[in-house]
Amino acid sequence: MVHVEELEIGGQPFTATSVALPKTNLLIVSNEIGYIMCAALDVEIFNELLADRKVIAARAKGVRSIQDLLDAPLEKVTNASKEAYGWTEGMSGREALLQLAEKKTS
């Protein structure tokens, strides 16, 4: 089953997507700038093979819900996210998304 819902972070709209898969869930929170998602995201692909795309993305491990994803510390962050938005490993998903929202409104 796929569940999509709108949510607001820092006064900006984001889309939360949950995909129920056998024995796991795929979890993503995104807007038109970037996204955070569960550990299914291969950050190294974006940093090494697709660096020219400057993808704004990060992943968190061990999350089971969208709320977990927002609260969990980010385990891996793309280089483009670090450079453009100051994302760091260890910051929460919510903090990272707030930085997207703040930059968008400034």
N, C-alpha and C. Protein backbone atom coordinates (compact mmCIF):
# COMPACT_ATOMS: atom_id res chain seq x y z
N MET A 1 0.83 -1.17 0.00
CA MET A 1 0.00 0.00 0.00
C MET A 1 0.88 1.24 0.00
N VAL A 2 0.46 2.27 -0.72
CA VAL A 2 1.14 3.55 -0.77
C VAL A 2 0.26 4.58 -0.08
N HIS A 3 0.87 5.33 0.84
CA HIS A 3 0.14 6.38 1.55
C HIS A 3 0.89 7.68 1.33
N VAL A 4 0.20 8.70 0.83
CA VAL A 4 0.79 10.01 0.58
C VAL A 4 -0.03 11.05 1.34
N GLU A 5 0.66 11.92 2.06
CA GLU A 5 -0.03 13.00 2.76
C GLU A 5 0.82 14.26 2.74
N GLU A 6 0.14 15.38 2.78
CA GLU A 6 0.82 16.67 2.86
C GLU A 6 1.09 16.97 4.33
N LEU A 7 2.25 17.58 4.61
CA LEU A 7 2.53 18.07 5.95
C LEU A 7 3.27 19.38 5.84
N GLU A 8 3.23 20.16 6.91
CA GLU A 8 3.84 21.47 6.92
C GLU A 8 5.00 21.47 7.90
N ILE A 9 6.13 21.99 7.45
CA ILE A 9 7.31 22.12 8.29
C ILE A 9 7.86 23.52 8.06
N GLY A 10 7.99 24.29 9.12
CA GLY A 10 8.47 25.65 8.99
C GLY A 10 7.61 26.52 8.09
N GLY A 11 6.31 26.24 8.09
CA GLY A 11 5.39 27.01 7.28
C GLY A 11 5.41 26.66 5.80
N GLN A 12 6.17 25.63 5.43
CA GLN A 12 6.27 25.24 4.03
C GLN A 12 5.69 23.84 3.83
N PRO A 13 5.08 23.59 2.68
CA PRO A 13 4.49 22.28 2.43
C PRO A 13 5.54 21.23 2.03
N PHE A 14 5.36 20.04 2.55
CA PHE A 14 6.16 18.88 2.20
C PHE A 14 5.21 17.73 1.93
N THR A 15 5.70 16.72 1.24
CA THR A 15 4.91 15.52 0.96
C THR A 15 5.55 14.35 1.69
N ALA A 16 4.76 13.65 2.47
CA ALA A 16 5.21 12.44 3.17
C ALA A 16 4.67 11.24 2.40
N THR A 17 5.56 10.34 2.02
CA THR A 17 5.18 9.14 1.27
C THR A 17 5.65 7.91 2.02
N SER A 18 4.74 6.98 2.24
CA SER A 18 5.06 5.69 2.86
C SER A 18 4.65 4.59 1.90
N VAL A 19 5.55 3.67 1.65
CA VAL A 19 5.25 2.53 0.79
C VAL A 19 5.47 1.27 1.61
N ALA A 20 4.40 0.51 1.83
CA ALA A 20 4.51 -0.74 2.58
C ALA A 20 5.02 -1.81 1.63
N LEU A 21 6.17 -2.35 1.95
CA LEU A 21 6.80 -3.41 1.16
C LEU A 21 6.92 -4.66 2.03
N PRO A 22 7.14 -5.82 1.43
CA PRO A 22 7.31 -7.02 2.26
C PRO A 22 8.45 -6.84 3.26
N LYS A 23 8.14 -6.96 4.52
CA LYS A 23 9.09 -6.93 5.64
C LYS A 23 9.78 -5.59 5.85
N THR A 24 9.32 -4.53 5.19
CA THR A 24 9.91 -3.20 5.39
C THR A 24 8.97 -2.12 4.87
N ASN A 25 9.32 -0.88 5.14
CA ASN A 25 8.59 0.27 4.62
C ASN A 25 9.57 1.23 3.98
N LEU A 26 9.16 1.84 2.89
CA LEU A 26 9.92 2.90 2.26
C LEU A 26 9.30 4.21 2.71
N LEU A 27 10.10 5.09 3.32
CA LEU A 27 9.59 6.34 3.90
C LEU A 27 10.34 7.53 3.31
N ILE A 28 9.60 8.55 2.86
CA ILE A 28 10.20 9.72 2.23
C ILE A 28 9.42 10.97 2.64
N VAL A 29 10.14 12.04 2.94
CA VAL A 29 9.53 13.35 3.11
C VAL A 29 10.26 14.27 2.15
N SER A 30 9.51 14.97 1.28
CA SER A 30 10.14 15.72 0.20
C SER A 30 9.42 17.03 -0.10
N ASN A 31 10.13 17.90 -0.78
CA ASN A 31 9.54 19.06 -1.44
C ASN A 31 10.26 19.21 -2.77
N GLU A 32 10.08 20.33 -3.46
CA GLU A 32 10.68 20.46 -4.78
C GLU A 32 12.19 20.68 -4.74
N ILE A 33 12.76 20.89 -3.55
CA ILE A 33 14.20 21.12 -3.42
C ILE A 33 14.96 19.85 -3.08
N GLY A 34 14.43 19.05 -2.14
CA GLY A 34 15.17 17.88 -1.69
C GLY A 34 14.30 16.97 -0.86
N TYR A 35 14.95 15.96 -0.24
CA TYR A 35 14.20 14.99 0.53
C TYR A 35 15.07 14.27 1.55
N ILE A 36 14.38 13.70 2.53
CA ILE A 36 15.01 12.76 3.46
C ILE A 36 14.26 11.44 3.30
N MET A 37 14.95 10.36 3.56
CA MET A 37 14.27 9.08 3.47
C MET A 37 14.96 8.04 4.34
N CYS A 38 14.35 6.88 4.40
CA CYS A 38 14.88 5.78 5.21
C CYS A 38 16.18 5.27 4.60
N ALA A 39 16.77 4.28 5.21
CA ALA A 39 18.08 3.78 4.81
C ALA A 39 18.12 3.14 3.42
N ALA A 40 17.00 3.07 2.72
CA ALA A 40 17.01 2.54 1.36
C ALA A 40 17.74 3.46 0.38
N LEU A 41 17.99 4.70 0.78
CA LEU A 41 18.67 5.67 -0.07
C LEU A 41 20.17 5.39 -0.09
N ASP A 42 20.75 5.28 -1.28
CA ASP A 42 22.19 5.06 -1.42
C ASP A 42 22.88 6.39 -1.67
N VAL A 43 23.27 7.07 -0.61
CA VAL A 43 23.87 8.39 -0.69
C VAL A 43 25.17 8.35 -1.50
N GLU A 44 25.93 7.28 -1.39
CA GLU A 44 27.21 7.19 -2.10
C GLU A 44 27.04 7.30 -3.61
N ILE A 45 25.94 6.77 -4.14
CA ILE A 45 25.68 6.89 -5.58
C ILE A 45 25.63 8.36 -5.97
N PHE A 46 24.93 9.18 -5.18
CA PHE A 46 24.82 10.61 -5.50
C PHE A 46 26.13 11.35 -5.29
N ASN A 47 26.91 10.95 -4.29
CA ASN A 47 28.17 11.62 -4.01
C ASN A 47 29.28 11.23 -4.98
N GLU A 48 29.24 10.01 -5.48
CA GLU A 48 30.33 9.52 -6.31
C GLU A 48 29.98 9.46 -7.79
N LEU A 49 28.93 8.76 -8.15
CA LEU A 49 28.61 8.55 -9.56
C LEU A 49 27.76 9.65 -10.18
N LEU A 50 26.96 10.31 -9.37
CA LEU A 50 26.02 11.31 -9.89
C LEU A 50 26.23 12.68 -9.24
N ALA A 51 27.45 12.98 -8.85
CA ALA A 51 27.74 14.23 -8.14
C ALA A 51 27.32 15.46 -8.93
N ASP A 52 27.40 15.38 -10.25
CA ASP A 52 27.05 16.53 -11.09
C ASP A 52 25.57 16.91 -10.97
N ARG A 53 24.74 16.02 -10.48
CA ARG A 53 23.31 16.32 -10.32
C ARG A 53 23.01 17.16 -9.08
N LYS A 54 23.96 17.21 -8.14
CA LYS A 54 23.81 18.00 -6.91
C LYS A 54 22.48 17.72 -6.19
N VAL A 55 22.21 16.44 -5.96
CA VAL A 55 20.98 16.02 -5.32
C VAL A 55 21.00 16.38 -3.84
N ILE A 56 19.93 17.03 -3.39
CA ILE A 56 19.77 17.40 -1.98
C ILE A 56 19.00 16.27 -1.32
N ALA A 57 19.69 15.43 -0.54
CA ALA A 57 19.05 14.26 0.06
C ALA A 57 19.85 13.77 1.25
N ALA A 58 19.17 13.03 2.13
CA ALA A 58 19.82 12.42 3.29
C ALA A 58 19.01 11.21 3.71
N ARG A 59 19.65 10.33 4.50
CA ARG A 59 18.94 9.15 4.98
C ARG A 59 19.11 8.98 6.48
N ALA A 60 18.12 8.32 7.06
CA ALA A 60 18.14 7.96 8.47
C ALA A 60 17.90 6.46 8.57
N LYS A 61 18.57 5.82 9.52
CA LYS A 61 18.43 4.37 9.70
C LYS A 61 17.50 4.06 10.86
N GLY A 62 16.86 2.89 10.76
CA GLY A 62 16.07 2.37 11.87
C GLY A 62 14.73 3.05 12.06
N VAL A 63 14.22 3.69 11.04
CA VAL A 63 12.93 4.39 11.18
C VAL A 63 11.80 3.51 10.68
N ARG A 64 10.64 3.63 11.33
CA ARG A 64 9.49 2.80 10.97
C ARG A 64 8.25 3.62 10.61
N SER A 65 8.35 4.94 10.75
CA SER A 65 7.21 5.81 10.44
C SER A 65 7.74 7.16 9.98
N ILE A 66 6.87 7.96 9.41
CA ILE A 66 7.24 9.31 9.00
C ILE A 66 7.69 10.11 10.22
N GLN A 67 7.00 9.97 11.34
CA GLN A 67 7.40 10.68 12.57
C GLN A 67 8.81 10.27 12.99
N ASP A 68 9.12 8.97 12.92
CA ASP A 68 10.48 8.51 13.22
C ASP A 68 11.49 9.18 12.30
N LEU A 69 11.15 9.25 11.00
CA LEU A 69 12.05 9.84 10.02
C LEU A 69 12.32 11.31 10.33
N LEU A 70 11.31 12.03 10.75
CA LEU A 70 11.48 13.44 11.10
C LEU A 70 12.33 13.62 12.37
N ASP A 71 12.19 12.70 13.31
CA ASP A 71 12.88 12.82 14.60
C ASP A 71 14.27 12.20 14.63
N ALA A 72 14.54 11.25 13.75
CA ALA A 72 15.80 10.49 13.79
C ALA A 72 16.98 11.35 13.32
N PRO A 73 18.17 11.04 13.86
CA PRO A 73 19.36 11.71 13.35
C PRO A 73 19.69 11.21 11.95
N LEU A 74 20.11 12.12 11.08
CA LEU A 74 20.50 11.71 9.74
C LEU A 74 21.83 10.97 9.80
N GLU A 75 21.87 9.84 9.14
CA GLU A 75 23.06 9.00 9.16
C GLU A 75 23.99 9.32 8.01
N LYS A 76 23.45 9.65 6.85
CA LYS A 76 24.24 9.99 5.66
C LYS A 76 23.57 11.18 4.97
N VAL A 77 24.40 12.09 4.47
CA VAL A 77 23.92 13.31 3.82
C VAL A 77 24.71 13.49 2.53
N THR A 78 24.04 13.87 1.45
CA THR A 78 24.78 14.10 0.21
C THR A 78 25.69 15.33 0.35
N ASN A 79 26.76 15.33 -0.41
CA ASN A 79 27.68 16.46 -0.39
C ASN A 79 26.97 17.75 -0.80
N ALA A 80 26.09 17.67 -1.78
CA ALA A 80 25.35 18.85 -2.23
C ALA A 80 24.50 19.43 -1.11
N SER A 81 23.93 18.58 -0.25
CA SER A 81 23.13 19.04 0.88
C SER A 81 23.98 19.78 1.90
N LYS A 82 25.18 19.27 2.11
CA LYS A 82 26.10 19.92 3.04
C LYS A 82 26.49 21.30 2.51
N GLU A 83 26.83 21.36 1.23
CA GLU A 83 27.31 22.61 0.63
C GLU A 83 26.19 23.65 0.50
N ALA A 84 25.04 23.24 0.04
CA ALA A 84 23.97 24.20 -0.26
C ALA A 84 23.13 24.57 0.96
N TYR A 85 22.96 23.63 1.91
CA TYR A 85 22.02 23.86 3.01
C TYR A 85 22.63 23.65 4.39
N GLY A 86 23.88 23.26 4.48
CA GLY A 86 24.52 23.08 5.77
C GLY A 86 24.07 21.84 6.53
N TRP A 87 23.48 20.87 5.82
CA TRP A 87 23.07 19.63 6.48
C TRP A 87 24.30 18.90 6.99
N THR A 88 24.14 18.23 8.13
CA THR A 88 25.22 17.43 8.70
C THR A 88 24.67 16.11 9.22
N GLU A 89 25.52 15.10 9.24
CA GLU A 89 25.15 13.85 9.87
C GLU A 89 24.88 14.14 11.34
N GLY A 90 23.83 13.53 11.86
CA GLY A 90 23.48 13.71 13.27
C GLY A 90 22.34 14.69 13.50
N MET A 91 22.13 15.63 12.58
CA MET A 91 20.98 16.53 12.74
C MET A 91 19.71 15.74 12.47
N SER A 92 18.61 16.17 13.02
CA SER A 92 17.36 15.44 12.80
C SER A 92 16.83 15.73 11.39
N GLY A 93 16.00 14.83 10.91
CA GLY A 93 15.36 15.04 9.62
C GLY A 93 14.56 16.32 9.61
N ARG A 94 13.87 16.60 10.68
CA ARG A 94 13.06 17.83 10.79
C ARG A 94 13.96 19.07 10.67
N GLU A 95 15.12 19.06 11.36
CA GLU A 95 16.04 20.20 11.27
C GLU A 95 16.49 20.43 9.83
N ALA A 96 16.79 19.35 9.13
CA ALA A 96 17.24 19.47 7.74
C ALA A 96 16.14 20.07 6.88
N LEU A 97 14.92 19.57 7.03
CA LEU A 97 13.80 20.08 6.24
C LEU A 97 13.49 21.53 6.58
N LEU A 98 13.65 21.91 7.85
CA LEU A 98 13.46 23.32 8.25
C LEU A 98 14.45 24.22 7.53
N GLN A 99 15.66 23.73 7.31
CA GLN A 99 16.64 24.53 6.58
C GLN A 99 16.21 24.72 5.13
N LEU A 100 15.60 23.72 4.54
CA LEU A 100 15.05 23.89 3.18
C LEU A 100 13.95 24.94 3.19
N ALA A 101 13.06 24.84 4.17
CA ALA A 101 11.93 25.78 4.27
C ALA A 101 12.43 27.20 4.49
N GLU A 102 13.42 27.38 5.37
CA GLU A 102 13.94 28.71 5.66
C GLU A 102 14.61 29.33 4.46
N LYS A 103 15.39 28.54 3.74
CA LYS A 103 16.09 29.07 2.57
C LYS A 103 15.10 29.43 1.47
N LYS A 104 14.03 28.65 1.37
CA LYS A 104 13.02 28.90 0.34
C LYS A 104 12.29 30.22 0.58
N THR A 105 12.08 30.57 1.84
CA THR A 105 11.32 31.78 2.16
C THR A 105 12.21 33.02 2.22
N SER A 106 13.53 32.84 2.21
CA SER A 106 14.41 34.02 2.31
C SER A 106 14.80 34.56 0.95
